């Protein structure tokens, strides 16, 4: 798993958004947490995607 700067940025942003969602709490916090977790999943998946260089 090598990853580039964009993958790490998406993963880090997702972690921050997830933490904010946990702090907010309630129904709104659950939605924010899910949004952050989705960003984390996409950042991790992007790290495994092969890059095409021409």
PDB file of N, CA and C in Angstrom:
ATOM      1  N   UNK A   1       0.861  -1.174   0.000  1.00  0.00           N
ATOM      2  CA  UNK A   1       0.000   0.000   0.000  1.00  0.00           C
ATOM      3  C   UNK A   1       0.901   1.229   0.000  1.00  0.00           C
ATOM      4  N   UNK A   2       0.978   1.871  -1.148  1.00  0.00           N
ATOM      5  CA  UNK A   2       1.863   3.016  -1.255  1.00  0.00           C
ATOM      6  C   UNK A   2       1.094   4.313  -1.049  1.00  0.00           C
ATOM      7  N   UNK A   3       0.091   4.576  -1.850  1.00  0.00           N
ATOM      8  CA  UNK A   3      -0.724   5.777  -1.684  1.00  0.00           C
ATOM      9  C   UNK A   3       0.003   7.043  -2.097  1.00  0.00           C
ATOM     10  N   UNK A   4      -0.760   8.011  -2.533  1.00  0.00           N
ATOM     11  CA  UNK A   4      -0.170   9.294  -2.876  1.00  0.00           C
ATOM     12  C   UNK A   4      -0.728  10.359  -1.939  1.00  0.00           C
ATOM     13  N   UNK A   5      -0.356  11.581  -2.176  1.00  0.00           N
ATOM     14  CA  UNK A   5      -0.750  12.662  -1.271  1.00  0.00           C
ATOM     15  C   UNK A   5      -2.261  12.857  -1.244  1.00  0.00           C
ATOM     16  N   UNK A   6      -2.921  12.682  -2.376  1.00  0.00           N
ATOM     17  CA  UNK A   6      -4.374  12.853  -2.421  1.00  0.00           C
ATOM     18  C   UNK A   6      -5.076  11.805  -1.573  1.00  0.00           C
ATOM     19  N   UNK A   7      -4.622  10.568  -1.659  1.00  0.00           N
ATOM     20  CA  UNK A   7      -5.223   9.498  -0.860  1.00  0.00           C
ATOM     21  C   UNK A   7      -5.087   9.786   0.629  1.00  0.00           C
ATOM     22  N   UNK A   8      -3.909  10.233   1.024  1.00  0.00           N
ATOM     23  CA  UNK A   8      -3.678  10.536   2.437  1.00  0.00           C
ATOM     24  C   UNK A   8      -4.495  11.738   2.882  1.00  0.00           C
ATOM     25  N   UNK A   9      -4.675  12.710   1.990  1.00  0.00           N
ATOM     26  CA  UNK A   9      -5.475  13.889   2.330  1.00  0.00           C
ATOM     27  C   UNK A   9      -6.934  13.516   2.531  1.00  0.00           C
ATOM     28  N   UNK A  10      -7.469  12.664   1.661  1.00  0.00           N
ATOM     29  CA  UNK A  10      -8.859  12.220   1.800  1.00  0.00           C
ATOM     30  C   UNK A  10      -9.020  11.405   3.079  1.00  0.00           C
ATOM     31  N   UNK A  11      -8.065  10.555   3.366  1.00  0.00           N
ATOM     32  CA  UNK A  11      -8.112   9.741   4.580  1.00  0.00           C
ATOM     33  C   UNK A  11      -8.035  10.618   5.833  1.00  0.00           C
ATOM     34  N   UNK A  12      -7.152  11.589   5.837  1.00  0.00           N
ATOM     35  CA  UNK A  12      -7.023  12.490   6.986  1.00  0.00           C
ATOM     36  C   UNK A  12      -8.260  13.359   7.176  1.00  0.00           C
ATOM     37  N   UNK A  13      -8.804  13.869   6.068  1.00  0.00           N
ATOM     38  CA  UNK A  13     -10.028  14.672   6.154  1.00  0.00           C
ATOM     39  C   UNK A  13     -11.176  13.834   6.705  1.00  0.00           C
ATOM     40  N   UNK A  14     -11.263  12.594   6.266  1.00  0.00           N
ATOM     41  CA  UNK A  14     -12.298  11.703   6.778  1.00  0.00           C
ATOM     42  C   UNK A  14     -12.155  11.449   8.267  1.00  0.00           C
ATOM     43  N   UNK A  15     -10.921  11.335   8.732  1.00  0.00           N
ATOM     44  CA  UNK A  15     -10.700  11.121  10.165  1.00  0.00           C
ATOM     45  C   UNK A  15     -11.134  12.336  10.978  1.00  0.00           C
ATOM     46  N   UNK A  16     -10.824  13.521  10.465  1.00  0.00           N
ATOM     47  CA  UNK A  16     -11.220  14.748  11.168  1.00  0.00           C
ATOM     48  C   UNK A  16     -12.741  14.893  11.185  1.00  0.00           C
ATOM     49  N   UNK A  17     -13.383  14.646  10.051  1.00  0.00           N
ATOM     50  CA  UNK A  17     -14.845  14.763   9.974  1.00  0.00           C
ATOM     51  C   UNK A  17     -15.506  13.722  10.875  1.00  0.00           C
ATOM     52  N   UNK A  18     -14.944  12.521  10.939  1.00  0.00           N
ATOM     53  CA  UNK A  18     -15.490  11.493  11.820  1.00  0.00           C
ATOM     54  C   UNK A  18     -15.398  11.919  13.283  1.00  0.00           C
ATOM     55  N   UNK A  19     -14.274  12.496  13.665  1.00  0.00           N
ATOM     56  CA  UNK A  19     -14.106  12.957  15.046  1.00  0.00           C
ATOM     57  C   UNK A  19     -15.091  14.077  15.371  1.00  0.00           C
ATOM     58  N   UNK A  20     -15.296  14.999  14.427  1.00  0.00           N
ATOM     59  CA  UNK A  20     -16.263  16.080  14.652  1.00  0.00           C
ATOM     60  C   UNK A  20     -17.664  15.509  14.793  1.00  0.00           C
ATOM     61  N   UNK A  21     -18.002  14.532  13.979  1.00  0.00           N
ATOM     62  CA  UNK A  21     -19.319  13.903  14.071  1.00  0.00           C
ATOM     63  C   UNK A  21     -19.544  13.220  15.403  1.00  0.00           C
ATOM     64  N   UNK A  22     -18.498  12.609  15.923  1.00  0.00           N
ATOM     65  CA  UNK A  22     -18.616  11.958  17.233  1.00  0.00           C
ATOM     66  C   UNK A  22     -18.804  12.989  18.335  1.00  0.00           C
ATOM     67  N   UNK A  23     -18.184  14.154  18.189  1.00  0.00           N
ATOM     68  CA  UNK A  23     -18.324  15.207  19.191  1.00  0.00           C
ATOM     69  C   UNK A  23     -19.709  15.850  19.157  1.00  0.00           C
ATOM     70  N   UNK A  24     -20.289  15.980  17.960  1.00  0.00           N
ATOM     71  CA  UNK A  24     -21.602  16.603  17.824  1.00  0.00           C
ATOM     72  C   UNK A  24     -22.675  15.724  18.477  1.00  0.00           C
ATOM     73  N   UNK A  25     -22.632  14.427  18.197  1.00  0.00           N
ATOM     74  CA  UNK A  25     -23.582  13.500  18.787  1.00  0.00           C
ATOM     75  C   UNK A  25     -24.972  13.628  18.178  1.00  0.00           C
ATOM     76  N   UNK A  26     -25.859  12.775  18.599  1.00  0.00           N
ATOM     77  CA  UNK A  26     -27.232  12.803  18.121  1.00  0.00           C
ATOM     78  C   UNK A  26     -27.360  12.333  16.681  1.00  0.00           C
ATOM     79  N   UNK A  27     -28.503  12.642  16.090  1.00  0.00           N
ATOM     80  CA  UNK A  27     -28.793  12.227  14.729  1.00  0.00           C
ATOM     81  C   UNK A  27     -27.884  12.938  13.716  1.00  0.00           C
ATOM     82  N   UNK A  28     -27.671  14.209  13.916  1.00  0.00           N
ATOM     83  CA  UNK A  28     -26.792  14.964  13.020  1.00  0.00           C
ATOM     84  C   UNK A  28     -25.363  14.444  13.121  1.00  0.00           C
ATOM     85  N   UNK A  29     -24.919  14.165  14.311  1.00  0.00           N
ATOM     86  CA  UNK A  29     -23.572  13.632  14.505  1.00  0.00           C
ATOM     87  C   UNK A  29     -23.387  12.274  13.847  1.00  0.00           C
ATOM     88  N   UNK A  30     -24.430  11.457  13.850  1.00  0.00           N
ATOM     89  CA  UNK A  30     -24.356  10.152  13.199  1.00  0.00           C
ATOM     90  C   UNK A  30     -24.188  10.318  11.691  1.00  0.00           C
ATOM     91  N   UNK A  31     -24.880  11.283  11.120  1.00  0.00           N
ATOM     92  CA  UNK A  31     -24.735  11.545   9.689  1.00  0.00           C
ATOM     93  C   UNK A  31     -23.354  12.061   9.342  1.00  0.00           C
ATOM     94  N   UNK A  32     -22.834  12.956  10.165  1.00  0.00           N
ATOM     95  CA  UNK A  32     -21.491  13.501   9.936  1.00  0.00           C
ATOM     96  C   UNK A  32     -20.446  12.398  10.090  1.00  0.00           C
ATOM     97  N   UNK A  33     -20.636  11.538  11.082  1.00  0.00           N
ATOM     98  CA  UNK A  33     -19.707  10.426  11.297  1.00  0.00           C
ATOM     99  C   UNK A  33     -19.707   9.484  10.096  1.00  0.00           C
ATOM    100  N   UNK A  34     -20.885   9.165   9.581  1.00  0.00           N
ATOM    101  CA  UNK A  34     -20.974   8.300   8.406  1.00  0.00           C
ATOM    102  C   UNK A  34     -20.306   8.913   7.193  1.00  0.00           C
ATOM    103  N   UNK A  35     -20.476  10.215   7.026  1.00  0.00           N
ATOM    104  CA  UNK A  35     -19.835  10.930   5.921  1.00  0.00           C
ATOM    105  C   UNK A  35     -18.316  10.837   6.051  1.00  0.00           C
ATOM    106  N   UNK A  36     -17.803  11.013   7.255  1.00  0.00           N
ATOM    107  CA  UNK A  36     -16.362  10.915   7.484  1.00  0.00           C
ATOM    108  C   UNK A  36     -15.839   9.501   7.272  1.00  0.00           C
ATOM    109  N   UNK A  37     -16.596   8.505   7.728  1.00  0.00           N
ATOM    110  CA  UNK A  37     -16.176   7.114   7.534  1.00  0.00           C
ATOM    111  C   UNK A  37     -16.159   6.743   6.055  1.00  0.00           C
ATOM    112  N   UNK A  38     -17.110   7.287   5.295  1.00  0.00           N
ATOM    113  CA  UNK A  38     -17.121   7.031   3.851  1.00  0.00           C
ATOM    114  C   UNK A  38     -15.875   7.623   3.201  1.00  0.00           C
ATOM    115  N   UNK A  39     -15.464   8.810   3.627  1.00  0.00           N
ATOM    116  CA  UNK A  39     -14.242   9.410   3.090  1.00  0.00           C
ATOM    117  C   UNK A  39     -13.019   8.573   3.456  1.00  0.00           C
ATOM    118  N   UNK A  40     -12.998   8.050   4.674  1.00  0.00           N
ATOM    119  CA  UNK A  40     -11.872   7.207   5.072  1.00  0.00           C
ATOM    120  C   UNK A  40     -11.809   5.949   4.215  1.00  0.00           C
ATOM    121  N   UNK A  41     -12.967   5.330   3.968  1.00  0.00           N
ATOM    122  CA  UNK A  41     -13.002   4.121   3.138  1.00  0.00           C
ATOM    123  C   UNK A  41     -12.528   4.431   1.719  1.00  0.00           C
ATOM    124  N   UNK A  42     -12.966   5.560   1.163  1.00  0.00           N
ATOM    125  CA  UNK A  42     -12.544   5.922  -0.186  1.00  0.00           C
ATOM    126  C   UNK A  42     -11.046   6.236  -0.245  1.00  0.00           C
ATOM    127  N   UNK A  43     -10.507   6.858   0.802  1.00  0.00           N
ATOM    128  CA  UNK A  43      -9.074   7.129   0.843  1.00  0.00           C
ATOM    129  C   UNK A  43      -8.250   5.857   0.894  1.00  0.00           C
ATOM    130  N   UNK A  44      -8.720   4.884   1.654  1.00  0.00           N
ATOM    131  CA  UNK A  44      -8.009   3.600   1.741  1.00  0.00           C
ATOM    132  C   UNK A  44      -8.090   2.857   0.414  1.00  0.00           C
ATOM    133  N   UNK A  45      -9.282   2.823  -0.182  1.00  0.00           N
ATOM    134  CA  UNK A  45      -9.435   2.138  -1.465  1.00  0.00           C
ATOM    135  C   UNK A  45      -8.605   2.806  -2.559  1.00  0.00           C
ATOM    136  N   UNK A  46      -8.486   4.115  -2.514  1.00  0.00           N
ATOM    137  CA  UNK A  46      -7.701   4.834  -3.513  1.00  0.00           C
ATOM    138  C   UNK A  46      -6.220   4.494  -3.413  1.00  0.00           C
ATOM    139  N   UNK A  47      -5.765   4.130  -2.248  1.00  0.00           N
ATOM    140  CA  UNK A  47      -4.359   3.762  -2.091  1.00  0.00           C
ATOM    141  C   UNK A  47      -4.044   2.434  -2.766  1.00  0.00           C
ATOM    142  N   UNK A  48      -5.034   1.571  -2.893  1.00  0.00           N
ATOM    143  CA  UNK A  48      -4.812   0.267  -3.524  1.00  0.00           C
ATOM    144  C   UNK A  48      -5.020   0.308  -5.034  1.00  0.00           C
ATOM    145  N   UNK A  49      -5.574   1.393  -5.550  1.00  0.00           N
ATOM    146  CA  UNK A  49      -5.842   1.512  -6.979  1.00  0.00           C
ATOM    147  C   UNK A  49      -4.521   1.677  -7.727  1.00  0.00           C
ATOM    148  N   UNK A  50      -4.323   0.907  -8.796  1.00  0.00           N
ATOM    149  CA  UNK A  50      -3.075   1.059  -9.540  1.00  0.00           C
ATOM    150  C   UNK A  50      -3.073   2.382 -10.309  1.00  0.00           C
ATOM    151  N   UNK A  51      -1.936   3.029 -10.345  1.00  0.00           N
ATOM    152  CA  UNK A  51      -1.825   4.282 -11.088  1.00  0.00           C
ATOM    153  C   UNK A  51      -1.400   3.974 -12.512  1.00  0.00           C
ATOM    154  N   UNK A  52      -1.914   4.759 -13.441  1.00  0.00           N
ATOM    155  CA  UNK A  52      -1.574   4.591 -14.841  1.00  0.00           C
ATOM    156  C   UNK A  52      -0.677   5.742 -15.244  1.00  0.00           C
ATOM    157  N   UNK A  53       0.529   5.430 -15.637  1.00  0.00           N
ATOM    158  CA  UNK A  53       1.486   6.460 -16.046  1.00  0.00           C
ATOM    159  C   UNK A  53       1.831   6.225 -17.509  1.00  0.00           C
ATOM    160  N   UNK A  54       1.777   7.306 -18.269  1.00  0.00           N
ATOM    161  CA  UNK A  54       2.066   7.180 -19.712  1.00  0.00           C
ATOM    162  C   UNK A  54       3.338   7.892 -20.046  1.00  0.00           C
TER     163      UNK A  54
END
